[in-house]
């Protein structure tokens, strides 16, 4: 089969690779019908997250079950499914405590031996461990493009919203107009906040996309005084809720500074470097600060919301390529050309 392989830092190649096989009785093999390139794929391929090259990349996918292990009881061949970027066992000590993103028997698809050596989704087929627990059926009427993001970015944005306990009447500030930040906009809207303020640094088209997904106000950081504008939009009080989905030192510091006294802050991005907190400024504000990985246990809940018409993440898709053009798709996504947001890859057939 074909797969997009991380060859060396800065280089990915579409090539023939071995088709995955059932290794454990709880495994399933899924034929990929749609997958997408994620920001963390770029971090891996560029060497910002050190891993051993030679693996098929990708971790967001929708597909069809074609084979199951003997202990898989809830999935039938032909079933349409979406899966999590980081599958988990549900039985280890971390899973039992609710920390499924740190499963002792799990890992991250398409991220190399350092992250469980699980096959990636930028291919024609993928092997999914603990399939009954991890694979979520796609309801009739839900498209691949609607279902594709529940296993990563949509769950991550939603986790930030839940961690911050967004409530009716809150002023919510979201830093980062990328896919996770836009997912936070969509899911925060479900809780009836008074105002959602989306902050981006350079891409005006992403801010406009945020408005179409539920943001009430947008701020372009390269042209405006972010702190002053947030204080103006919140009546001088500051934000009740702040979510950082950008992952820069400046956005972490701005997140802490623009929160009101007693505010809630969720740091949900990948941070590639140590970041200094402005402790003298925020130490007396009684902030609640949460951080960590997205909880992929919310997949089924989000899939139900999509099926019921409460959410539609498909507007996040900006470009579509056949798997045969995966190298060009990766180049486009990495360069952020042509107003790219999320790129879908579809294997032939």
C-alpha atoms as a PDB file:
ATOM      1  CA  UNK A   1       0.000   0.000   0.000  1.00  0.00           C
ATOM      2  CA  UNK A   2       1.008   3.662  -0.248  1.00  0.00           C
ATOM      3  CA  UNK A   3       1.952   5.746   2.769  1.00  0.00           C
ATOM      4  CA  UNK A   4       3.478   9.157   3.474  1.00  0.00           C
ATOM      5  CA  UNK A   5       6.716   8.401   5.319  1.00  0.00           C
ATOM      6  CA  UNK A   6       8.838  10.672   7.509  1.00  0.00           C
ATOM      7  CA  UNK A   7      12.242  10.067   5.915  1.00  0.00           C
ATOM      8  CA  UNK A   8      14.433  12.605   7.697  1.00  0.00           C
ATOM      9  CA  UNK A   9      13.954  16.022   9.316  1.00  0.00           C
ATOM     10  CA  UNK A  10      12.362  18.261   6.713  1.00  0.00           C
ATOM     11  CA  UNK A  11      11.510  15.477   4.241  1.00  0.00           C
ATOM     12  CA  UNK A  12       8.434  13.307   3.754  1.00  0.00           C
ATOM     13  CA  UNK A  13       7.955  10.859   0.871  1.00  0.00           C
ATOM     14  CA  UNK A  14       5.006   8.921  -0.520  1.00  0.00           C
ATOM     15  CA  UNK A  15       6.166   5.350  -0.992  1.00  0.00           C
ATOM     16  CA  UNK A  16       5.163   1.704  -0.879  1.00  0.00           C
ATOM     17  CA  UNK A  17       4.917   0.396   2.689  1.00  0.00           C
ATOM     18  CA  UNK A  18       3.652  -2.796   4.307  1.00  0.00           C
ATOM     19  CA  UNK A  19      -0.080  -3.047   4.888  1.00  0.00           C
ATOM     20  CA  UNK A  20      -0.806  -3.341   8.642  1.00  0.00           C
ATOM     21  CA  UNK A  21      -1.989  -6.676  10.015  1.00  0.00           C
ATOM     22  CA  UNK A  22      -3.869  -7.793  13.114  1.00  0.00           C
ATOM     23  CA  UNK A  23      -1.268  -8.166  15.877  1.00  0.00           C
ATOM     24  CA  UNK A  24      -3.527  -8.497  18.911  1.00  0.00           C
ATOM     25  CA  UNK A  25      -7.057  -9.885  19.281  1.00  0.00           C
ATOM     26  CA  UNK A  26      -8.406  -6.419  20.197  1.00  0.00           C
ATOM     27  CA  UNK A  27      -7.096  -4.848  16.964  1.00  0.00           C
ATOM     28  CA  UNK A  28      -9.056  -3.736  13.918  1.00  0.00           C
ATOM     29  CA  UNK A  29      -7.849  -2.849  10.428  1.00  0.00           C
ATOM     30  CA  UNK A  30      -9.510   0.231   8.958  1.00  0.00           C
ATOM     31  CA  UNK A  31      -9.454   1.242   5.291  1.00  0.00           C
ATOM     32  CA  UNK A  32      -8.851   4.996   5.273  1.00  0.00           C
ATOM     33  CA  UNK A  33     -11.443   7.039   3.387  1.00  0.00           C
ATOM     34  CA  UNK A  34     -10.241  10.451   4.605  1.00  0.00           C
ATOM     35  CA  UNK A  35      -7.314  11.698   6.666  1.00  0.00           C
ATOM     36  CA  UNK A  36      -5.825  15.122   7.253  1.00  0.00           C
ATOM     37  CA  UNK A  37      -2.533  16.846   7.935  1.00  0.00           C
ATOM     38  CA  UNK A  38      -2.144  18.304  11.423  1.00  0.00           C
ATOM     39  CA  UNK A  39       0.181  20.901  12.902  1.00  0.00           C
ATOM     40  CA  UNK A  40       1.814  18.221  15.052  1.00  0.00           C
ATOM     41  CA  UNK A  41       2.690  16.308  11.850  1.00  0.00           C
ATOM     42  CA  UNK A  42       4.749  19.339  10.853  1.00  0.00           C
ATOM     43  CA  UNK A  43       6.385  19.462  14.300  1.00  0.00           C
ATOM     44  CA  UNK A  44       7.375  15.803  13.871  1.00  0.00           C
ATOM     45  CA  UNK A  45       8.572  16.088  10.275  1.00  0.00           C
ATOM     46  CA  UNK A  46      10.610  19.206  10.976  1.00  0.00           C
ATOM     47  CA  UNK A  47      12.283  17.582  13.982  1.00  0.00           C
ATOM     48  CA  UNK A  48      10.772  19.914  16.587  1.00  0.00           C
ATOM     49  CA  UNK A  49       9.442  16.777  18.301  1.00  0.00           C
ATOM     50  CA  UNK A  50      12.427  14.396  18.104  1.00  0.00           C
ATOM     51  CA  UNK A  51      11.560  10.933  16.781  1.00  0.00           C
ATOM     52  CA  UNK A  52      13.269   8.171  14.825  1.00  0.00           C
ATOM     53  CA  UNK A  53      12.478   8.547  11.079  1.00  0.00           C
ATOM     54  CA  UNK A  54      11.024   5.797   8.932  1.00  0.00           C
ATOM     55  CA  UNK A  55       7.351   5.670   9.873  1.00  0.00           C
ATOM     56  CA  UNK A  56       4.055   6.484   8.156  1.00  0.00           C
ATOM     57  CA  UNK A  57       2.651   9.762   9.480  1.00  0.00           C
ATOM     58  CA  UNK A  58      -0.877  10.900  10.312  1.00  0.00           C
ATOM     59  CA  UNK A  59      -3.381  10.523  13.156  1.00  0.00           C
ATOM     60  CA  UNK A  60      -6.731  12.092  12.141  1.00  0.00           C
ATOM     61  CA  UNK A  61      -8.860   9.720  10.096  1.00  0.00           C
ATOM     62  CA  UNK A  62     -12.214   8.304   9.086  1.00  0.00           C
ATOM     63  CA  UNK A  63     -12.577   4.928   7.425  1.00  0.00           C
ATOM     64  CA  UNK A  64     -14.256   1.567   7.085  1.00  0.00           C
ATOM     65  CA  UNK A  65     -13.575  -1.509   9.209  1.00  0.00           C
ATOM     66  CA  UNK A  66     -12.260  -4.325   6.996  1.00  0.00           C
ATOM     67  CA  UNK A  67     -10.905  -6.813   9.557  1.00  0.00           C
ATOM     68  CA  UNK A  68     -11.169  -7.388  13.304  1.00  0.00           C
ATOM     69  CA  UNK A  69      -9.363  -9.438  15.925  1.00  0.00           C
ATOM     70  CA  UNK A  70     -11.097 -12.267  17.757  1.00  0.00           C
ATOM     71  CA  UNK A  71     -11.910 -10.146  20.830  1.00  0.00           C
ATOM     72  CA  UNK A  72     -13.495  -7.272  18.908  1.00  0.00           C
ATOM     73  CA  UNK A  73     -17.245  -7.690  19.480  1.00  0.00           C
ATOM     74  CA  UNK A  74     -18.868  -4.302  18.830  1.00  0.00           C
ATOM     75  CA  UNK A  75     -17.646  -3.536  15.300  1.00  0.00           C
ATOM     76  CA  UNK A  76     -18.693  -5.220  12.088  1.00  0.00           C
ATOM     77  CA  UNK A  77     -16.888  -5.244   8.766  1.00  0.00           C
ATOM     78  CA  UNK A  78     -18.070  -2.357   6.641  1.00  0.00           C
ATOM     79  CA  UNK A  79     -18.818  -0.118   9.638  1.00  0.00           C
ATOM     80  CA  UNK A  80     -17.825   3.542   9.118  1.00  0.00           C
ATOM     81  CA  UNK A  81     -15.688   4.759  11.998  1.00  0.00           C
ATOM     82  CA  UNK A  82     -13.537   7.592  13.271  1.00  0.00           C
ATOM     83  CA  UNK A  83     -10.656   6.967  15.639  1.00  0.00           C
ATOM     84  CA  UNK A  84      -8.596   8.897  18.167  1.00  0.00           C
ATOM     85  CA  UNK A  85      -5.141  10.252  17.450  1.00  0.00           C
ATOM     86  CA  UNK A  86      -3.975   8.597  20.668  1.00  0.00           C
ATOM     87  CA  UNK A  87      -5.721   5.258  21.318  1.00  0.00           C
ATOM     88  CA  UNK A  88      -5.941   4.027  24.904  1.00  0.00           C
ATOM     89  CA  UNK A  89      -6.585   0.740  26.692  1.00  0.00           C
ATOM     90  CA  UNK A  90      -9.085   1.839  29.369  1.00  0.00           C
ATOM     91  CA  UNK A  91      -7.589  -0.598  31.885  1.00  0.00           C
ATOM     92  CA  UNK A  92      -4.177   0.672  33.012  1.00  0.00           C
ATOM     93  CA  UNK A  93      -3.680   2.808  36.125  1.00  0.00           C
ATOM     94  CA  UNK A  94      -3.627   6.076  34.174  1.00  0.00           C
ATOM     95  CA  UNK A  95      -6.772   5.219  32.193  1.00  0.00           C
ATOM     96  CA  UNK A  96      -8.639   4.193  35.341  1.00  0.00           C
ATOM     97  CA  UNK A  97      -7.825   7.606  36.832  1.00  0.00           C
ATOM     98  CA  UNK A  98      -9.167   9.342  33.716  1.00  0.00           C
ATOM     99  CA  UNK A  99      -5.780  10.218  32.241  1.00  0.00           C
ATOM    100  CA  UNK A 100      -6.398   8.378  28.980  1.00  0.00           C
ATOM    101  CA  UNK A 101      -4.003  10.573  26.998  1.00  0.00           C
ATOM    102  CA  UNK A 102      -1.227   9.061  29.123  1.00  0.00           C
ATOM    103  CA  UNK A 103      -2.291   5.431  28.668  1.00  0.00           C
ATOM    104  CA  UNK A 104       0.526   3.068  29.616  1.00  0.00           C
ATOM    105  CA  UNK A 105      -0.339   0.787  26.697  1.00  0.00           C
ATOM    106  CA  UNK A 106      -1.313   3.441  24.170  1.00  0.00           C
ATOM    107  CA  UNK A 107       0.561   5.875  21.987  1.00  0.00           C
ATOM    108  CA  UNK A 108      -0.005   8.300  19.128  1.00  0.00           C
ATOM    109  CA  UNK A 109      -0.658   7.142  15.592  1.00  0.00           C
ATOM    110  CA  UNK A 110       1.957   8.144  13.043  1.00  0.00           C
ATOM    111  CA  UNK A 111       4.494   9.440  15.562  1.00  0.00           C
ATOM    112  CA  UNK A 112       7.226   6.803  15.568  1.00  0.00           C
ATOM    113  CA  UNK A 113       8.652   4.381  18.132  1.00  0.00           C
ATOM    114  CA  UNK A 114       8.949   7.108  20.751  1.00  0.00           C
ATOM    115  CA  UNK A 115       5.142   7.321  20.841  1.00  0.00           C
ATOM    116  CA  UNK A 116       4.101   3.670  20.729  1.00  0.00           C
ATOM    117  CA  UNK A 117       5.133   2.816  17.159  1.00  0.00           C
ATOM    118  CA  UNK A 118       1.513   2.889  15.968  1.00  0.00           C
ATOM    119  CA  UNK A 119       0.881   3.034  12.192  1.00  0.00           C
ATOM    120  CA  UNK A 120      -0.136   6.364  10.710  1.00  0.00           C
ATOM    121  CA  UNK A 121      -3.257   7.373   8.821  1.00  0.00           C
ATOM    122  CA  UNK A 122      -1.550   8.992   5.808  1.00  0.00           C
ATOM    123  CA  UNK A 123      -1.933   5.668   4.080  1.00  0.00           C
ATOM    124  CA  UNK A 124      -4.533   3.313   2.655  1.00  0.00           C
ATOM    125  CA  UNK A 125      -5.023   1.249   5.833  1.00  0.00           C
ATOM    126  CA  UNK A 126      -4.365   1.611   9.553  1.00  0.00           C
ATOM    127  CA  UNK A 127      -4.268  -0.810  12.488  1.00  0.00           C
ATOM    128  CA  UNK A 128      -6.166   0.423  15.550  1.00  0.00           C
ATOM    129  CA  UNK A 129      -5.548  -1.190  18.972  1.00  0.00           C
ATOM    130  CA  UNK A 130      -8.335  -1.656  21.543  1.00  0.00           C
ATOM    131  CA  UNK A 131     -10.746  -1.153  18.662  1.00  0.00           C
ATOM    132  CA  UNK A 132     -14.040  -1.630  20.541  1.00  0.00           C
ATOM    133  CA  UNK A 133     -13.082   1.163  22.931  1.00  0.00           C
ATOM    134  CA  UNK A 134     -11.443   3.572  20.494  1.00  0.00           C
ATOM    135  CA  UNK A 135     -13.329   3.379  17.208  1.00  0.00           C
ATOM    136  CA  UNK A 136     -16.491   5.480  17.159  1.00  0.00           C
ATOM    137  CA  UNK A 137     -19.176   4.597  14.580  1.00  0.00           C
ATOM    138  CA  UNK A 138     -20.065   7.422  12.218  1.00  0.00           C
ATOM    139  CA  UNK A 139     -23.870   7.888  12.206  1.00  0.00           C
ATOM    140  CA  UNK A 140     -25.805   7.770   8.972  1.00  0.00           C
ATOM    141  CA  UNK A 141     -26.012  11.228   7.474  1.00  0.00           C
ATOM    142  CA  UNK A 142     -22.689  12.416   8.946  1.00  0.00           C
ATOM    143  CA  UNK A 143     -20.069  12.969   6.245  1.00  0.00           C
ATOM    144  CA  UNK A 144     -16.386  12.073   6.440  1.00  0.00           C
ATOM    145  CA  UNK A 145     -15.509  15.756   6.579  1.00  0.00           C
ATOM    146  CA  UNK A 146     -17.835  16.327   9.515  1.00  0.00           C
ATOM    147  CA  UNK A 147     -16.586  13.290  11.444  1.00  0.00           C
ATOM    148  CA  UNK A 148     -12.885  13.641  10.673  1.00  0.00           C
ATOM    149  CA  UNK A 149     -11.903  16.010  13.468  1.00  0.00           C
ATOM    150  CA  UNK A 150     -13.575  14.443  16.519  1.00  0.00           C
ATOM    151  CA  UNK A 151     -10.483  12.309  17.182  1.00  0.00           C
ATOM    152  CA  UNK A 152      -8.094  15.206  17.665  1.00  0.00           C
ATOM    153  CA  UNK A 153      -8.585  18.939  17.150  1.00  0.00           C
ATOM    154  CA  UNK A 154     -12.306  19.142  17.934  1.00  0.00           C
ATOM    155  CA  UNK A 155     -11.848  17.159  21.151  1.00  0.00           C
ATOM    156  CA  UNK A 156      -8.846  19.323  22.071  1.00  0.00           C
ATOM    157  CA  UNK A 157     -10.720  22.606  21.623  1.00  0.00           C
ATOM    158  CA  UNK A 158     -13.706  21.204  23.507  1.00  0.00           C
ATOM    159  CA  UNK A 159     -11.441  20.072  26.364  1.00  0.00           C
ATOM    160  CA  UNK A 160     -10.189  23.637  26.777  1.00  0.00           C
ATOM    161  CA  UNK A 161     -13.766  24.901  26.895  1.00  0.00           C
ATOM    162  CA  UNK A 162     -14.753  22.338  29.535  1.00  0.00           C
ATOM    163  CA  UNK A 163     -11.587  22.904  31.576  1.00  0.00           C
ATOM    164  CA  UNK A 164     -12.453  26.604  31.757  1.00  0.00           C
ATOM    165  CA  UNK A 165     -16.075  25.876  32.680  1.00  0.00           C
ATOM    166  CA  UNK A 166     -17.506  28.275  30.083  1.00  0.00           C
ATOM    167  CA  UNK A 167     -20.882  29.500  31.329  1.00  0.00           C
ATOM    168  CA  UNK A 168     -23.801  31.543  30.062  1.00  0.00           C
ATOM    169  CA  UNK A 169     -22.871  35.216  30.003  1.00  0.00           C
ATOM    170  CA  UNK A 170     -19.082  34.717  30.077  1.00  0.00           C
ATOM    171  CA  UNK A 171     -16.653  36.799  28.082  1.00  0.00           C
ATOM    172  CA  UNK A 172     -14.385  34.256  26.372  1.00  0.00           C
ATOM    173  CA  UNK A 173     -11.046  35.092  24.742  1.00  0.00           C
ATOM    174  CA  UNK A 174      -9.383  32.528  22.478  1.00  0.00           C
ATOM    175  CA  UNK A 175      -5.793  33.031  21.330  1.00  0.00           C
ATOM    176  CA  UNK A 176      -4.960  31.264  18.077  1.00  0.00           C
ATOM    177  CA  UNK A 177      -7.151  31.126  14.970  1.00  0.00           C
ATOM    178  CA  UNK A 178      -5.821  27.770  13.817  1.00  0.00           C
ATOM    179  CA  UNK A 179      -7.854  24.543  13.816  1.00  0.00           C
ATOM    180  CA  UNK A 180      -7.766  24.022  17.601  1.00  0.00           C
ATOM    181  CA  UNK A 181      -8.653  27.642  18.323  1.00  0.00           C
ATOM    182  CA  UNK A 182     -11.502  27.525  15.809  1.00  0.00           C
ATOM    183  CA  UNK A 183     -12.702  24.277  17.386  1.00  0.00           C
ATOM    184  CA  UNK A 184     -12.757  26.069  20.724  1.00  0.00           C
ATOM    185  CA  UNK A 185     -14.850  28.844  19.151  1.00  0.00           C
ATOM    186  CA  UNK A 186     -17.394  26.329  17.840  1.00  0.00           C
ATOM    187  CA  UNK A 187     -17.728  24.425  21.091  1.00  0.00           C
ATOM    188  CA  UNK A 188     -17.664  27.477  23.392  1.00  0.00           C
ATOM    189  CA  UNK A 189     -20.679  28.797  21.464  1.00  0.00           C
ATOM    190  CA  UNK A 190     -22.682  25.805  22.759  1.00  0.00           C
ATOM    191  CA  UNK A 191     -22.599  27.203  26.324  1.00  0.00           C
ATOM    192  CA  UNK A 192     -24.170  30.594  25.634  1.00  0.00           C
ATOM    193  CA  UNK A 193     -21.321  33.001  26.402  1.00  0.00           C
ATOM    194  CA  UNK A 194     -22.017  36.714  26.132  1.00  0.00           C
ATOM    195  CA  UNK A 195     -19.081  37.279  23.812  1.00  0.00           C
ATOM    196  CA  UNK A 196     -16.355  35.212  22.120  1.00  0.00           C
ATOM    197  CA  UNK A 197     -13.249  37.192  21.184  1.00  0.00           C
ATOM    198  CA  UNK A 198     -10.824  35.472  18.786  1.00  0.00           C
ATOM    199  CA  UNK A 199      -7.225  36.716  18.630  1.00  0.00           C
ATOM    200  CA  UNK A 200      -4.922  35.927  15.709  1.00  0.00           C
ATOM    201  CA  UNK A 201      -1.518  37.250  14.843  1.00  0.00           C
ATOM    202  CA  UNK A 202      -1.355  37.497  11.060  1.00  0.00           C
ATOM    203  CA  UNK A 203      -3.984  35.580   9.084  1.00  0.00           C
ATOM    204  CA  UNK A 204      -7.045  37.763   8.583  1.00  0.00           C
ATOM    205  CA  UNK A 205      -8.820  35.030   6.627  1.00  0.00           C
ATOM    206  CA  UNK A 206      -8.650  32.742   9.682  1.00  0.00           C
ATOM    207  CA  UNK A 207     -10.225  35.437  11.813  1.00  0.00           C
ATOM    208  CA  UNK A 208     -13.014  35.768   9.260  1.00  0.00           C
ATOM    209  CA  UNK A 209     -13.472  32.002   9.403  1.00  0.00           C
ATOM    210  CA  UNK A 210     -13.747  32.343  13.170  1.00  0.00           C
ATOM    211  CA  UNK A 211     -16.568  34.839  12.793  1.00  0.00           C
ATOM    212  CA  UNK A 212     -18.459  32.407  10.582  1.00  0.00           C
ATOM    213  CA  UNK A 213     -18.028  29.710  13.253  1.00  0.00           C
ATOM    214  CA  UNK A 214     -19.277  31.802  16.169  1.00  0.00           C
ATOM    215  CA  UNK A 215     -16.745  34.460  17.210  1.00  0.00           C
ATOM    216  CA  UNK A 216     -18.383  37.809  18.008  1.00  0.00           C
ATOM    217  CA  UNK A 217     -15.217  39.903  17.814  1.00  0.00           C
ATOM    218  CA  UNK A 218     -11.773  39.375  16.310  1.00  0.00           C
ATOM    219  CA  UNK A 219      -8.440  41.022  17.036  1.00  0.00           C
ATOM    220  CA  UNK A 220      -5.457  41.003  14.657  1.00  0.00           C
ATOM    221  CA  UNK A 221      -2.449  41.106  16.941  1.00  0.00           C
ATOM    222  CA  UNK A 222      -0.061  42.439  14.311  1.00  0.00           C
ATOM    223  CA  UNK A 223      -2.168  45.591  13.919  1.00  0.00           C
ATOM    224  CA  UNK A 224      -3.874  46.157  17.274  1.00  0.00           C
ATOM    225  CA  UNK A 225      -2.993  46.474  20.944  1.00  0.00           C
ATOM    226  CA  UNK A 226      -4.429  43.118  22.024  1.00  0.00           C
ATOM    227  CA  UNK A 227      -4.551  43.831  25.736  1.00  0.00           C
ATOM    228  CA  UNK A 228      -6.182  47.238  25.356  1.00  0.00           C
ATOM    229  CA  UNK A 229      -8.761  45.930  22.894  1.00  0.00           C
ATOM    230  CA  UNK A 230      -9.721  42.997  25.149  1.00  0.00           C
ATOM    231  CA  UNK A 231     -10.186  45.326  28.097  1.00  0.00           C
ATOM    232  CA  UNK A 232     -12.364  47.578  25.943  1.00  0.00           C
ATOM    233  CA  UNK A 233     -14.512  44.643  24.761  1.00  0.00           C
ATOM    234  CA  UNK A 234     -14.949  43.318  28.315  1.00  0.00           C
ATOM    235  CA  UNK A 235     -15.909  46.637  29.877  1.00  0.00           C
ATOM    236  CA  UNK A 236     -12.493  47.062  31.493  1.00  0.00           C
ATOM    237  CA  UNK A 237     -12.891  43.975  33.664  1.00  0.00           C
ATOM    238  CA  UNK A 238     -10.998  41.372  31.665  1.00  0.00           C
ATOM    239  CA  UNK A 239     -12.099  37.992  30.347  1.00  0.00           C
ATOM    240  CA  UNK A 240     -13.902  35.401  32.429  1.00  0.00           C
ATOM    241  CA  UNK A 241     -12.355  32.639  30.325  1.00  0.00           C
ATOM    242  CA  UNK A 242      -9.156  32.580  28.270  1.00  0.00           C
ATOM    243  CA  UNK A 243      -8.003  29.685  26.076  1.00  0.00           C
ATOM    244  CA  UNK A 244      -4.537  29.667  24.526  1.00  0.00           C
ATOM    245  CA  UNK A 245      -4.494  27.544  21.381  1.00  0.00           C
ATOM    246  CA  UNK A 246      -1.538  29.363  19.807  1.00  0.00           C
ATOM    247  CA  UNK A 247       1.413  28.100  21.819  1.00  0.00           C
ATOM    248  CA  UNK A 248       3.717  31.131  21.776  1.00  0.00           C
ATOM    249  CA  UNK A 249       5.347  32.732  24.817  1.00  0.00           C
ATOM    250  CA  UNK A 250       3.556  35.999  24.002  1.00  0.00           C
ATOM    251  CA  UNK A 251       0.106  34.366  23.880  1.00  0.00           C
ATOM    252  CA  UNK A 252       0.635  32.570  27.195  1.00  0.00           C
ATOM    253  CA  UNK A 253       1.581  35.835  28.827  1.00  0.00           C
ATOM    254  CA  UNK A 254      -1.284  37.691  27.177  1.00  0.00           C
ATOM    255  CA  UNK A 255      -3.704  34.955  28.274  1.00  0.00           C
ATOM    256  CA  UNK A 256      -2.735  35.415  31.898  1.00  0.00           C
ATOM    257  CA  UNK A 257      -2.759  39.191  31.735  1.00  0.00           C
ATOM    258  CA  UNK A 258      -6.142  39.635  30.064  1.00  0.00           C
ATOM    259  CA  UNK A 259      -8.040  37.325  32.445  1.00  0.00           C
ATOM    260  CA  UNK A 260     -10.132  39.054  35.080  1.00  0.00           C
ATOM    261  CA  UNK A 261      -9.645  38.524  38.802  1.00  0.00           C
ATOM    262  CA  UNK A 262     -10.885  35.004  39.497  1.00  0.00           C
ATOM    263  CA  UNK A 263     -10.758  34.128  35.791  1.00  0.00           C
ATOM    264  CA  UNK A 264     -10.130  30.708  34.276  1.00  0.00           C
ATOM    265  CA  UNK A 265      -7.298  30.054  31.823  1.00  0.00           C
ATOM    266  CA  UNK A 266      -6.696  26.905  29.747  1.00  0.00           C
ATOM    267  CA  UNK A 267      -3.333  26.420  28.041  1.00  0.00           C
ATOM    268  CA  UNK A 268      -4.114  23.896  25.284  1.00  0.00           C
ATOM    269  CA  UNK A 269      -1.328  24.305  22.709  1.00  0.00           C
ATOM    270  CA  UNK A 270       1.935  22.451  22.136  1.00  0.00           C
ATOM    271  CA  UNK A 271       4.704  24.549  23.679  1.00  0.00           C
ATOM    272  CA  UNK A 272       8.094  23.923  22.037  1.00  0.00           C
ATOM    273  CA  UNK A 273      10.099  25.888  24.590  1.00  0.00           C
ATOM    274  CA  UNK A 274      10.137  26.927  28.269  1.00  0.00           C
ATOM    275  CA  UNK A 275       7.878  29.913  28.862  1.00  0.00           C
ATOM    276  CA  UNK A 276       8.159  32.525  31.596  1.00  0.00           C
ATOM    277  CA  UNK A 277       4.953  33.311  33.468  1.00  0.00           C
ATOM    278  CA  UNK A 278       4.446  36.973  34.441  1.00  0.00           C
ATOM    279  CA  UNK A 279       4.005  35.940  38.060  1.00  0.00           C
ATOM    280  CA  UNK A 280       4.243  39.419  39.565  1.00  0.00           C
ATOM    281  CA  UNK A 281       1.278  40.511  37.459  1.00  0.00           C
ATOM    282  CA  UNK A 282      -0.942  37.465  37.818  1.00  0.00           C
ATOM    283  CA  UNK A 283       0.014  36.071  41.219  1.00  0.00           C
ATOM    284  CA  UNK A 284      -2.633  38.097  43.054  1.00  0.00           C
ATOM    285  CA  UNK A 285      -5.483  37.533  40.557  1.00  0.00           C
ATOM    286  CA  UNK A 286      -6.701  34.175  41.926  1.00  0.00           C
ATOM    287  CA  UNK A 287      -6.625  32.626  38.457  1.00  0.00           C
ATOM    288  CA  UNK A 288      -7.476  28.992  37.832  1.00  0.00           C
ATOM    289  CA  UNK A 289      -4.983  27.694  35.252  1.00  0.00           C
ATOM    290  CA  UNK A 290      -5.348  24.310  33.568  1.00  0.00           C
ATOM    291  CA  UNK A 291      -3.199  22.729  30.913  1.00  0.00           C
ATOM    292  CA  UNK A 292      -2.561  19.421  29.239  1.00  0.00           C
ATOM    293  CA  UNK A 293      -3.591  17.308  26.285  1.00  0.00           C
ATOM    294  CA  UNK A 294      -7.071  17.129  24.833  1.00  0.00           C
ATOM    295  CA  UNK A 295      -9.364  14.433  26.239  1.00  0.00           C
ATOM    296  CA  UNK A 296     -10.200  12.132  23.326  1.00  0.00           C
ATOM    297  CA  UNK A 297     -12.792  10.409  25.480  1.00  0.00           C
ATOM    298  CA  UNK A 298     -15.190  13.130  24.290  1.00  0.00           C
ATOM    299  CA  UNK A 299     -15.294  11.693  20.758  1.00  0.00           C
ATOM    300  CA  UNK A 300     -18.670   9.969  21.097  1.00  0.00           C
ATOM    301  CA  UNK A 301     -20.291  13.021  22.668  1.00  0.00           C
ATOM    302  CA  UNK A 302     -19.029  15.268  19.883  1.00  0.00           C
ATOM    303  CA  UNK A 303     -20.081  12.786  17.200  1.00  0.00           C
ATOM    304  CA  UNK A 304     -23.605  12.843  18.672  1.00  0.00           C
ATOM    305  CA  UNK A 305     -23.610  16.654  18.590  1.00  0.00           C
ATOM    306  CA  UNK A 306     -22.633  16.575  14.922  1.00  0.00           C
ATOM    307  CA  UNK A 307     -25.351  14.016  14.132  1.00  0.00           C
ATOM    308  CA  UNK A 308     -27.921  16.200  15.933  1.00  0.00           C
ATOM    309  CA  UNK A 309     -26.909  19.297  13.968  1.00  0.00           C
ATOM    310  CA  UNK A 310     -25.406  21.158  16.951  1.00  0.00           C
ATOM    311  CA  UNK A 311     -21.888  21.174  15.451  1.00  0.00           C
ATOM    312  CA  UNK A 312     -20.472  21.137  11.931  1.00  0.00           C
ATOM    313  CA  UNK A 313     -16.651  21.136  11.803  1.00  0.00           C
ATOM    314  CA  UNK A 314     -16.516  20.626   8.016  1.00  0.00           C
ATOM    315  CA  UNK A 315     -15.912  24.361   7.288  1.00  0.00           C
ATOM    316  CA  UNK A 316     -12.403  23.816   8.686  1.00  0.00           C
ATOM    317  CA  UNK A 317     -11.532  21.967   5.450  1.00  0.00           C
ATOM    318  CA  UNK A 318      -9.834  24.310   2.981  1.00  0.00           C
ATOM    319  CA  UNK A 319      -8.102  21.922   0.565  1.00  0.00           C
ATOM    320  CA  UNK A 320      -8.557  18.373  -0.697  1.00  0.00           C
ATOM    321  CA  UNK A 321      -5.925  16.143  -2.336  1.00  0.00           C
ATOM    322  CA  UNK A 322      -5.711  12.496  -3.391  1.00  0.00           C
ATOM    323  CA  UNK A 323      -3.201  10.518  -1.335  1.00  0.00           C
ATOM    324  CA  UNK A 324      -1.048  10.327  -4.474  1.00  0.00           C
ATOM    325  CA  UNK A 325      -0.410  14.073  -4.055  1.00  0.00           C
ATOM    326  CA  UNK A 326       0.380  13.894  -0.334  1.00  0.00           C
ATOM    327  CA  UNK A 327       3.842  15.416  -0.706  1.00  0.00           C
ATOM    328  CA  UNK A 328       2.409  18.542  -2.350  1.00  0.00           C
ATOM    329  CA  UNK A 329      -0.375  18.668   0.236  1.00  0.00           C
ATOM    330  CA  UNK A 330       2.197  18.566   3.031  1.00  0.00           C
ATOM    331  CA  UNK A 331       4.255  21.313   1.364  1.00  0.00           C
ATOM    332  CA  UNK A 332       1.171  23.522   1.044  1.00  0.00           C
ATOM    333  CA  UNK A 333       0.121  22.984   4.659  1.00  0.00           C
ATOM    334  CA  UNK A 334       3.633  23.619   5.989  1.00  0.00           C
ATOM    335  CA  UNK A 335       4.029  26.837   3.963  1.00  0.00           C
ATOM    336  CA  UNK A 336       0.539  28.120   4.906  1.00  0.00           C
ATOM    337  CA  UNK A 337      -0.043  29.216   1.325  1.00  0.00           C
ATOM    338  CA  UNK A 338      -3.382  29.802  -0.391  1.00  0.00           C
ATOM    339  CA  UNK A 339      -5.282  30.407   2.868  1.00  0.00           C
ATOM    340  CA  UNK A 340      -4.758  26.784   3.872  1.00  0.00           C
ATOM    341  CA  UNK A 341      -6.461  25.662   7.080  1.00  0.00           C
ATOM    342  CA  UNK A 342      -7.015  21.891   7.015  1.00  0.00           C
ATOM    343  CA  UNK A 343      -5.996  19.624   4.136  1.00  0.00           C
ATOM    344  CA  UNK A 344      -7.814  16.353   3.476  1.00  0.00           C
ATOM    345  CA  UNK A 345      -6.079  13.394   1.842  1.00  0.00           C
ATOM    346  CA  UNK A 346      -8.184  10.648   0.232  1.00  0.00           C
ATOM    347  CA  UNK A 347      -6.728   7.325  -0.884  1.00  0.00           C
ATOM    348  CA  UNK A 348      -7.907   6.108  -4.294  1.00  0.00           C
ATOM    349  CA  UNK A 349     -11.124   4.091  -4.171  1.00  0.00           C
END
